[in-house]
Amino acid sequence: MPRITAQHLARAIETLRTMTMERKTALADDVFQQQPTLFGSFLVLTRFGVSFEKMEFLLERLFVCFLAMRQSGIQWPRITEDELDKQAARFSATVSFADGMGPALAGQSLSEYTTGHPEPHLLAYVTTEMTQWLATVQPEESDKYVMLAAMNIVNCIAHVPLHVVSR
């Protein structure tokens, strides 16, 4: 069962849509304070030659994911660099595995990945947004870093262990 429901996600999208620039700046500060590693995965894109205009796409997805985490009411742990690296390696291995397959098997593999994902609503949201974004931007080699970072944010949220407090 996902920790972030469709309702959490919808409220997060609506919240961000109605935010002023001042509130978005405050939200960026909150993300930096509470999930610095996720925020860092956005900031590091400058090192890979990603333009600020394209970084804005990732920042908006990060904001929605963060707001959805808040909406869930769960006390989320800080996502560590180790977790970020682990999820990046896991996703890269998944993509590499599918690359070696024919179209039918690759499609089946993708279907299994999406249906088995722990956070299907976040995954669907980010992949839909990426598809729409890619249709509107001038393609550049650096776009792959934006897409990888977006998927990594989703996967980190999906797989981070929650600490259970025993009484």
N, C-alpha and C. Protein backbone atom coordinates (compact mmCIF):
# COMPACT_ATOMS: atom_id res chain seq x y z
N MET A 1 0.84 -1.18 0.00
CA MET A 1 0.00 0.00 0.00
C MET A 1 0.88 1.25 0.00
N PRO A 2 0.60 2.17 -0.90
CA PRO A 2 1.43 3.37 -0.96
C PRO A 2 1.28 4.24 0.29
N ARG A 3 2.35 4.91 0.61
CA ARG A 3 2.33 5.83 1.75
C ARG A 3 1.78 7.19 1.33
N ILE A 4 1.90 7.48 0.05
CA ILE A 4 1.36 8.72 -0.51
C ILE A 4 0.20 8.35 -1.42
N THR A 5 -0.98 8.77 -1.05
CA THR A 5 -2.19 8.43 -1.81
C THR A 5 -2.41 9.43 -2.95
N ALA A 6 -3.35 9.09 -3.80
CA ALA A 6 -3.72 10.00 -4.88
C ALA A 6 -4.24 11.33 -4.31
N GLN A 7 -4.94 11.26 -3.19
CA GLN A 7 -5.46 12.48 -2.56
C GLN A 7 -4.33 13.35 -2.03
N HIS A 8 -3.33 12.73 -1.42
CA HIS A 8 -2.17 13.50 -0.94
C HIS A 8 -1.50 14.21 -2.12
N LEU A 9 -1.33 13.47 -3.19
CA LEU A 9 -0.67 14.02 -4.37
C LEU A 9 -1.50 15.16 -4.98
N ALA A 10 -2.79 14.96 -5.10
CA ALA A 10 -3.66 16.00 -5.68
C ALA A 10 -3.61 17.28 -4.84
N ARG A 11 -3.65 17.13 -3.52
CA ARG A 11 -3.57 18.31 -2.65
C ARG A 11 -2.21 19.00 -2.80
N ALA A 12 -1.15 18.22 -2.95
CA ALA A 12 0.19 18.79 -3.11
C ALA A 12 0.28 19.57 -4.42
N ILE A 13 -0.26 19.01 -5.49
CA ILE A 13 -0.24 19.70 -6.80
C ILE A 13 -1.02 21.00 -6.71
N GLU A 14 -2.19 20.96 -6.10
CA GLU A 14 -3.02 22.17 -5.96
C GLU A 14 -2.34 23.20 -5.07
N THR A 15 -1.73 22.76 -3.99
CA THR A 15 -1.02 23.68 -3.09
C THR A 15 0.08 24.41 -3.85
N LEU A 16 0.88 23.67 -4.61
CA LEU A 16 1.97 24.29 -5.35
C LEU A 16 1.43 25.23 -6.42
N ARG A 17 0.37 24.82 -7.08
CA ARG A 17 -0.20 25.64 -8.16
C ARG A 17 -0.62 27.02 -7.66
N THR A 18 -1.06 27.09 -6.41
CA THR A 18 -1.57 28.36 -5.89
C THR A 18 -0.51 29.16 -5.12
N MET A 19 0.69 28.66 -5.03
CA MET A 19 1.74 29.35 -4.26
C MET A 19 2.30 30.56 -5.00
N THR A 20 2.58 31.59 -4.24
CA THR A 20 3.29 32.74 -4.77
C THR A 20 4.78 32.40 -4.83
N MET A 21 5.54 33.25 -5.49
CA MET A 21 6.99 33.05 -5.56
C MET A 21 7.60 33.11 -4.16
N GLU A 22 7.08 33.99 -3.33
CA GLU A 22 7.58 34.10 -1.96
C GLU A 22 7.37 32.79 -1.20
N ARG A 23 6.20 32.18 -1.35
CA ARG A 23 5.91 30.90 -0.68
C ARG A 23 6.77 29.78 -1.26
N LYS A 24 7.04 29.82 -2.55
CA LYS A 24 7.90 28.80 -3.15
C LYS A 24 9.33 28.93 -2.62
N THR A 25 9.77 30.15 -2.41
CA THR A 25 11.09 30.37 -1.83
C THR A 25 11.16 29.79 -0.42
N ALA A 26 10.11 30.01 0.35
CA ALA A 26 10.05 29.45 1.70
C ALA A 26 10.00 27.92 1.64
N LEU A 27 9.28 27.39 0.66
CA LEU A 27 9.22 25.94 0.50
C LEU A 27 10.59 25.38 0.15
N ALA A 28 11.33 26.06 -0.70
CA ALA A 28 12.69 25.62 -1.04
C ALA A 28 13.55 25.56 0.23
N ASP A 29 13.40 26.54 1.10
CA ASP A 29 14.13 26.52 2.38
C ASP A 29 13.72 25.31 3.22
N ASP A 30 12.41 25.01 3.25
CA ASP A 30 11.93 23.85 4.01
C ASP A 30 12.50 22.55 3.45
N VAL A 31 12.50 22.42 2.13
CA VAL A 31 13.05 21.20 1.52
C VAL A 31 14.53 21.08 1.87
N PHE A 32 15.25 22.18 1.76
CA PHE A 32 16.67 22.17 2.09
C PHE A 32 16.91 21.76 3.54
N GLN A 33 16.09 22.26 4.46
CA GLN A 33 16.24 21.95 5.88
C GLN A 33 15.86 20.51 6.21
N GLN A 34 14.77 20.02 5.62
CA GLN A 34 14.24 18.71 5.99
C GLN A 34 14.74 17.56 5.12
N GLN A 35 15.02 17.84 3.85
CA GLN A 35 15.50 16.80 2.93
C GLN A 35 16.65 17.37 2.09
N PRO A 36 17.77 17.69 2.74
CA PRO A 36 18.88 18.34 2.02
C PRO A 36 19.45 17.48 0.89
N THR A 37 19.43 16.18 1.04
CA THR A 37 19.99 15.32 -0.02
C THR A 37 19.12 15.40 -1.27
N LEU A 38 17.80 15.38 -1.09
CA LEU A 38 16.92 15.53 -2.25
C LEU A 38 17.10 16.89 -2.90
N PHE A 39 17.23 17.93 -2.08
CA PHE A 39 17.45 19.27 -2.63
C PHE A 39 18.79 19.32 -3.37
N GLY A 40 19.77 18.65 -2.82
CA GLY A 40 21.09 18.60 -3.47
C GLY A 40 21.04 17.93 -4.83
N SER A 41 20.14 16.94 -4.98
CA SER A 41 20.05 16.27 -6.28
C SER A 41 19.50 17.21 -7.35
N PHE A 42 18.82 18.25 -6.92
CA PHE A 42 18.39 19.32 -7.83
C PHE A 42 19.56 20.27 -8.11
N LEU A 43 20.23 20.72 -7.06
CA LEU A 43 21.30 21.70 -7.20
C LEU A 43 22.47 21.20 -8.05
N VAL A 44 22.76 19.91 -7.94
CA VAL A 44 23.93 19.36 -8.62
C VAL A 44 23.79 19.38 -10.15
N LEU A 45 22.58 19.58 -10.63
CA LEU A 45 22.38 19.56 -12.09
C LEU A 45 23.17 20.64 -12.82
N THR A 46 23.52 21.71 -12.14
CA THR A 46 24.32 22.75 -12.79
C THR A 46 25.68 22.20 -13.23
N ARG A 47 26.20 21.25 -12.47
CA ARG A 47 27.50 20.64 -12.81
C ARG A 47 27.43 19.80 -14.07
N PHE A 48 26.22 19.40 -14.46
CA PHE A 48 26.05 18.57 -15.64
C PHE A 48 25.58 19.38 -16.84
N GLY A 49 25.65 20.69 -16.74
CA GLY A 49 25.31 21.55 -17.86
C GLY A 49 23.81 21.74 -18.09
N VAL A 50 23.01 21.47 -17.09
CA VAL A 50 21.56 21.63 -17.23
C VAL A 50 21.24 23.11 -17.03
N SER A 51 20.45 23.66 -17.95
CA SER A 51 20.07 25.08 -17.86
C SER A 51 19.13 25.30 -16.68
N PHE A 52 19.09 26.53 -16.21
CA PHE A 52 18.20 26.87 -15.09
C PHE A 52 16.74 26.67 -15.48
N GLU A 53 16.41 26.91 -16.74
CA GLU A 53 15.04 26.72 -17.19
C GLU A 53 14.64 25.25 -17.06
N LYS A 54 15.54 24.35 -17.39
CA LYS A 54 15.25 22.93 -17.29
C LYS A 54 15.33 22.44 -15.84
N MET A 55 16.18 23.08 -15.06
CA MET A 55 16.23 22.73 -13.63
C MET A 55 14.91 23.07 -12.94
N GLU A 56 14.25 24.11 -13.44
CA GLU A 56 12.97 24.51 -12.85
C GLU A 56 11.95 23.39 -12.93
N PHE A 57 11.98 22.63 -14.03
CA PHE A 57 11.07 21.48 -14.15
C PHE A 57 11.29 20.51 -12.98
N LEU A 58 12.54 20.19 -12.69
CA LEU A 58 12.83 19.26 -11.59
C LEU A 58 12.44 19.86 -10.25
N LEU A 59 12.72 21.13 -10.06
CA LEU A 59 12.38 21.78 -8.80
C LEU A 59 10.87 21.70 -8.54
N GLU A 60 10.07 21.93 -9.54
CA GLU A 60 8.61 21.85 -9.38
C GLU A 60 8.20 20.42 -9.00
N ARG A 61 8.80 19.40 -9.62
CA ARG A 61 8.47 18.00 -9.27
C ARG A 61 8.92 17.70 -7.83
N LEU A 62 10.10 18.20 -7.46
CA LEU A 62 10.59 18.01 -6.10
C LEU A 62 9.63 18.65 -5.10
N PHE A 63 9.17 19.85 -5.40
CA PHE A 63 8.21 20.52 -4.53
C PHE A 63 6.94 19.69 -4.36
N VAL A 64 6.41 19.18 -5.45
CA VAL A 64 5.18 18.38 -5.36
C VAL A 64 5.43 17.13 -4.53
N CYS A 65 6.54 16.45 -4.77
CA CYS A 65 6.86 15.25 -3.99
C CYS A 65 6.98 15.58 -2.50
N PHE A 66 7.66 16.66 -2.20
CA PHE A 66 7.85 17.07 -0.79
C PHE A 66 6.51 17.42 -0.15
N LEU A 67 5.68 18.17 -0.87
CA LEU A 67 4.36 18.53 -0.33
C LEU A 67 3.49 17.30 -0.14
N ALA A 68 3.60 16.34 -1.05
CA ALA A 68 2.84 15.09 -0.90
C ALA A 68 3.32 14.31 0.32
N MET A 69 4.62 14.34 0.58
CA MET A 69 5.15 13.71 1.79
C MET A 69 4.52 14.36 3.02
N ARG A 70 4.45 15.67 3.01
CA ARG A 70 3.82 16.38 4.13
C ARG A 70 2.35 16.01 4.27
N GLN A 71 1.66 15.97 3.14
CA GLN A 71 0.23 15.66 3.15
C GLN A 71 -0.05 14.28 3.73
N SER A 72 0.91 13.37 3.58
CA SER A 72 0.71 12.00 4.06
C SER A 72 0.61 11.92 5.58
N GLY A 73 1.15 12.91 6.27
CA GLY A 73 1.13 12.89 7.72
C GLY A 73 2.18 11.99 8.35
N ILE A 74 3.00 11.40 7.53
CA ILE A 74 4.05 10.49 8.01
C ILE A 74 5.27 11.31 8.43
N GLN A 75 5.93 10.86 9.47
CA GLN A 75 7.20 11.47 9.89
C GLN A 75 8.30 10.83 9.05
N TRP A 76 8.70 11.49 7.99
CA TRP A 76 9.68 10.94 7.06
C TRP A 76 11.09 11.16 7.59
N PRO A 77 11.94 10.14 7.48
CA PRO A 77 13.34 10.35 7.86
C PRO A 77 14.06 11.14 6.76
N ARG A 78 15.19 11.70 7.12
CA ARG A 78 16.02 12.35 6.09
C ARG A 78 16.54 11.27 5.15
N ILE A 79 16.44 11.55 3.88
CA ILE A 79 16.99 10.64 2.88
C ILE A 79 18.48 10.94 2.78
N THR A 80 19.28 9.91 2.94
CA THR A 80 20.74 10.07 2.98
C THR A 80 21.34 9.99 1.59
N GLU A 81 22.60 10.40 1.51
CA GLU A 81 23.33 10.25 0.25
C GLU A 81 23.47 8.78 -0.12
N ASP A 82 23.66 7.92 0.88
CA ASP A 82 23.75 6.48 0.61
C ASP A 82 22.47 5.97 -0.03
N GLU A 83 21.33 6.41 0.51
CA GLU A 83 20.03 6.00 -0.05
C GLU A 83 19.88 6.55 -1.47
N LEU A 84 20.29 7.79 -1.69
CA LEU A 84 20.22 8.39 -3.02
C LEU A 84 21.06 7.60 -4.01
N ASP A 85 22.28 7.26 -3.60
CA ASP A 85 23.18 6.48 -4.47
C ASP A 85 22.62 5.08 -4.72
N LYS A 86 22.09 4.46 -3.68
CA LYS A 86 21.52 3.11 -3.80
C LYS A 86 20.37 3.10 -4.80
N GLN A 87 19.49 4.08 -4.70
CA GLN A 87 18.34 4.13 -5.60
C GLN A 87 18.76 4.47 -7.03
N ALA A 88 19.77 5.31 -7.18
CA ALA A 88 20.28 5.63 -8.51
C ALA A 88 20.86 4.38 -9.17
N ALA A 89 21.62 3.62 -8.41
CA ALA A 89 22.21 2.38 -8.94
C ALA A 89 21.12 1.37 -9.29
N ARG A 90 20.12 1.26 -8.44
CA ARG A 90 19.01 0.34 -8.67
C ARG A 90 18.26 0.70 -9.95
N PHE A 91 17.96 1.99 -10.11
CA PHE A 91 17.22 2.43 -11.31
C PHE A 91 18.06 2.25 -12.57
N SER A 92 19.34 2.59 -12.49
CA SER A 92 20.23 2.42 -13.65
C SER A 92 20.32 0.95 -14.06
N ALA A 93 20.38 0.06 -13.07
CA ALA A 93 20.42 -1.38 -13.37
C ALA A 93 19.12 -1.83 -14.03
N THR A 94 18.01 -1.29 -13.57
CA THR A 94 16.71 -1.64 -14.15
C THR A 94 16.64 -1.19 -15.60
N VAL A 95 17.07 0.03 -15.86
CA VAL A 95 17.05 0.56 -17.22
C VAL A 95 18.02 -0.22 -18.11
N SER A 96 19.20 -0.50 -17.61
CA SER A 96 20.18 -1.27 -18.39
C SER A 96 19.66 -2.67 -18.71
N PHE A 97 19.00 -3.28 -17.76
CA PHE A 97 18.43 -4.61 -17.96
C PHE A 97 17.41 -4.57 -19.09
N ALA A 98 16.54 -3.58 -19.09
CA ALA A 98 15.50 -3.47 -20.11
C ALA A 98 16.08 -3.12 -21.48
N ASP A 99 17.22 -2.39 -21.50
CA ASP A 99 17.85 -2.02 -22.78
C ASP A 99 18.28 -3.23 -23.59
N GLY A 100 18.62 -4.30 -22.91
CA GLY A 100 19.10 -5.48 -23.62
C GLY A 100 17.99 -6.37 -24.14
N MET A 101 16.76 -5.99 -23.95
CA MET A 101 15.62 -6.80 -24.36
C MET A 101 15.01 -6.30 -25.66
N GLY A 102 14.24 -7.16 -26.27
CA GLY A 102 13.45 -6.73 -27.42
C GLY A 102 12.30 -5.87 -26.95
N PRO A 103 11.60 -5.22 -27.89
CA PRO A 103 10.52 -4.31 -27.51
C PRO A 103 9.41 -4.96 -26.66
N ALA A 104 9.02 -6.17 -26.97
CA ALA A 104 7.93 -6.81 -26.22
C ALA A 104 8.36 -7.09 -24.78
N LEU A 105 9.55 -7.65 -24.61
CA LEU A 105 10.03 -7.94 -23.26
C LEU A 105 10.33 -6.67 -22.48
N ALA A 106 10.85 -5.66 -23.17
CA ALA A 106 11.11 -4.38 -22.50
C ALA A 106 9.80 -3.77 -22.01
N GLY A 107 8.76 -3.86 -22.82
CA GLY A 107 7.45 -3.35 -22.42
C GLY A 107 6.90 -4.11 -21.23
N GLN A 108 7.08 -5.41 -21.23
CA GLN A 108 6.63 -6.24 -20.11
C GLN A 108 7.41 -5.87 -18.83
N SER A 109 8.71 -5.68 -18.99
CA SER A 109 9.55 -5.32 -17.85
C SER A 109 9.13 -3.96 -17.27
N LEU A 110 8.85 -3.00 -18.15
CA LEU A 110 8.40 -1.69 -17.72
C LEU A 110 7.06 -1.79 -16.99
N SER A 111 6.17 -2.60 -17.53
CA SER A 111 4.86 -2.80 -16.89
C SER A 111 5.02 -3.39 -15.49
N GLU A 112 5.89 -4.38 -15.35
CA GLU A 112 6.13 -4.99 -14.05
C GLU A 112 6.75 -3.98 -13.08
N TYR A 113 7.64 -3.14 -13.59
CA TYR A 113 8.27 -2.12 -12.74
C TYR A 113 7.22 -1.15 -12.21
N THR A 114 6.35 -0.68 -13.09
CA THR A 114 5.37 0.32 -12.67
C THR A 114 4.28 -0.27 -11.78
N THR A 115 3.82 -1.47 -12.09
CA THR A 115 2.75 -2.05 -11.27
C THR A 115 3.26 -2.49 -9.91
N GLY A 116 4.53 -2.79 -9.80
CA GLY A 116 5.09 -3.21 -8.53
C GLY A 116 5.73 -2.09 -7.73
N HIS A 117 5.65 -0.87 -8.23
CA HIS A 117 6.30 0.26 -7.55
C HIS A 117 5.56 0.60 -6.25
N PRO A 118 6.31 0.83 -5.16
CA PRO A 118 5.68 1.13 -3.88
C PRO A 118 4.91 2.46 -3.84
N GLU A 119 5.26 3.39 -4.71
CA GLU A 119 4.56 4.68 -4.75
C GLU A 119 4.04 4.93 -6.17
N PRO A 120 3.01 4.20 -6.57
CA PRO A 120 2.52 4.29 -7.95
C PRO A 120 1.98 5.67 -8.32
N HIS A 121 1.41 6.40 -7.38
CA HIS A 121 0.85 7.71 -7.70
C HIS A 121 1.96 8.71 -8.01
N LEU A 122 3.01 8.71 -7.18
CA LEU A 122 4.16 9.59 -7.44
C LEU A 122 4.84 9.21 -8.76
N LEU A 123 5.00 7.91 -8.97
CA LEU A 123 5.65 7.45 -10.20
C LEU A 123 4.85 7.89 -11.42
N ALA A 124 3.55 7.69 -11.38
CA ALA A 124 2.70 8.07 -12.52
C ALA A 124 2.74 9.58 -12.75
N TYR A 125 2.69 10.33 -11.68
CA TYR A 125 2.74 11.79 -11.80
C TYR A 125 4.04 12.24 -12.45
N VAL A 126 5.16 11.78 -11.93
CA VAL A 126 6.46 12.23 -12.44
C VAL A 126 6.69 11.76 -13.87
N THR A 127 6.34 10.53 -14.19
CA THR A 127 6.56 10.05 -15.56
C THR A 127 5.65 10.77 -16.55
N THR A 128 4.43 11.06 -16.15
CA THR A 128 3.52 11.82 -17.03
C THR A 128 4.05 13.23 -17.25
N GLU A 129 4.47 13.86 -16.19
CA GLU A 129 5.04 15.21 -16.30
C GLU A 129 6.30 15.22 -17.17
N MET A 130 7.15 14.20 -17.01
CA MET A 130 8.37 14.13 -17.83
C MET A 130 8.02 13.97 -19.30
N THR A 131 7.06 13.12 -19.60
CA THR A 131 6.65 12.91 -20.99
C THR A 131 6.16 14.21 -21.60
N GLN A 132 5.33 14.94 -20.87
CA GLN A 132 4.82 16.23 -21.37
C GLN A 132 5.95 17.24 -21.52
N TRP A 133 6.84 17.27 -20.55
CA TRP A 133 7.98 18.20 -20.58
C TRP A 133 8.87 17.92 -21.78
N LEU A 134 9.17 16.65 -22.01
CA LEU A 134 10.05 16.29 -23.12
C LEU A 134 9.45 16.67 -24.47
N ALA A 135 8.14 16.69 -24.55
CA ALA A 135 7.47 17.07 -25.80
C ALA A 135 7.54 18.57 -26.06
N THR A 136 7.90 19.35 -25.03
CA THR A 136 7.88 20.81 -25.18
C THR A 136 9.26 21.46 -25.19
N VAL A 137 10.30 20.72 -24.83
CA VAL A 137 11.63 21.33 -24.73
C VAL A 137 12.48 20.97 -25.93
N GLN A 138 13.47 21.81 -26.16
CA GLN A 138 14.47 21.49 -27.17
C GLN A 138 15.37 20.40 -26.58
N PRO A 139 15.42 19.22 -27.22
CA PRO A 139 16.20 18.12 -26.63
C PRO A 139 17.69 18.45 -26.53
N GLU A 140 18.24 18.07 -25.39
CA GLU A 140 19.67 18.22 -25.13
C GLU A 140 20.15 16.98 -24.41
N GLU A 141 21.42 16.69 -24.54
CA GLU A 141 22.00 15.53 -23.87
C GLU A 141 21.80 15.60 -22.35
N SER A 142 21.85 16.80 -21.82
CA SER A 142 21.74 16.97 -20.36
C SER A 142 20.33 16.67 -19.83
N ASP A 143 19.33 16.54 -20.70
CA ASP A 143 17.97 16.23 -20.25
C ASP A 143 17.92 14.91 -19.49
N LYS A 144 18.82 14.00 -19.84
CA LYS A 144 18.82 12.70 -19.16
C LYS A 144 19.11 12.85 -17.67
N TYR A 145 19.89 13.85 -17.29
CA TYR A 145 20.20 14.06 -15.88
C TYR A 145 18.97 14.55 -15.12
N VAL A 146 18.18 15.38 -15.78
CA VAL A 146 16.93 15.86 -15.17
C VAL A 146 16.00 14.67 -14.94
N MET A 147 15.86 13.83 -15.96
CA MET A 147 14.96 12.67 -15.85
C MET A 147 15.45 11.68 -14.81
N LEU A 148 16.74 11.41 -14.79
CA LEU A 148 17.29 10.50 -13.78
C LEU A 148 17.09 11.05 -12.37
N ALA A 149 17.31 12.33 -12.19
CA ALA A 149 17.12 12.94 -10.87
C ALA A 149 15.66 12.86 -10.45
N ALA A 150 14.74 13.11 -11.37
CA ALA A 150 13.31 13.05 -11.04
C ALA A 150 12.93 11.64 -10.63
N MET A 151 13.37 10.66 -11.36
CA MET A 151 13.06 9.27 -11.02
C MET A 151 13.72 8.88 -9.70
N ASN A 152 14.91 9.38 -9.47
CA ASN A 152 15.61 9.05 -8.24
C ASN A 152 14.90 9.63 -7.01
N ILE A 153 14.36 10.83 -7.15
CA ILE A 153 13.59 11.42 -6.05
C ILE A 153 12.41 10.53 -5.71
N VAL A 154 11.66 10.11 -6.72
CA VAL A 154 10.51 9.23 -6.51
C VAL A 154 10.95 7.93 -5.85
N ASN A 155 12.01 7.33 -6.36
CA ASN A 155 12.46 6.05 -5.81
C ASN A 155 13.00 6.16 -4.39
N CYS A 156 13.65 7.26 -4.08
CA CYS A 156 14.11 7.47 -2.70
C CYS A 156 12.93 7.57 -1.75
N ILE A 157 11.93 8.32 -2.13
CA ILE A 157 10.74 8.45 -1.29
C ILE A 157 10.05 7.09 -1.15
N ALA A 158 9.98 6.36 -2.25
CA ALA A 158 9.29 5.06 -2.24
C ALA A 158 9.97 4.02 -1.38
N HIS A 159 11.28 4.06 -1.32
CA HIS A 159 12.03 2.98 -0.68
C HIS A 159 12.67 3.34 0.66
N VAL A 160 12.59 4.60 1.07
CA VAL A 160 13.21 4.96 2.34
C VAL A 160 12.48 4.24 3.47
N PRO A 161 13.23 3.56 4.32
CA PRO A 161 12.57 2.88 5.45
C PRO A 161 12.06 3.89 6.47
N LEU A 162 10.86 3.65 6.91
CA LEU A 162 10.30 4.48 7.97
C LEU A 162 10.64 3.84 9.30
N HIS A 163 10.99 4.66 10.25
CA HIS A 163 11.34 4.16 11.58
C HIS A 163 10.06 3.99 12.38
N VAL A 164 9.87 2.80 12.88
CA VAL A 164 8.71 2.51 13.71
C VAL A 164 9.09 2.71 15.16
N VAL A 165 8.32 3.50 15.84
CA VAL A 165 8.59 3.77 17.26
C VAL A 165 7.82 2.73 18.07
N SER A 166 8.55 1.96 18.85
CA SER A 166 7.89 0.97 19.70
C SER A 166 7.54 1.60 21.04
N ARG A 167 6.47 1.11 21.65
CA ARG A 167 6.02 1.69 22.92
C ARG A 167 6.31 0.79 24.07
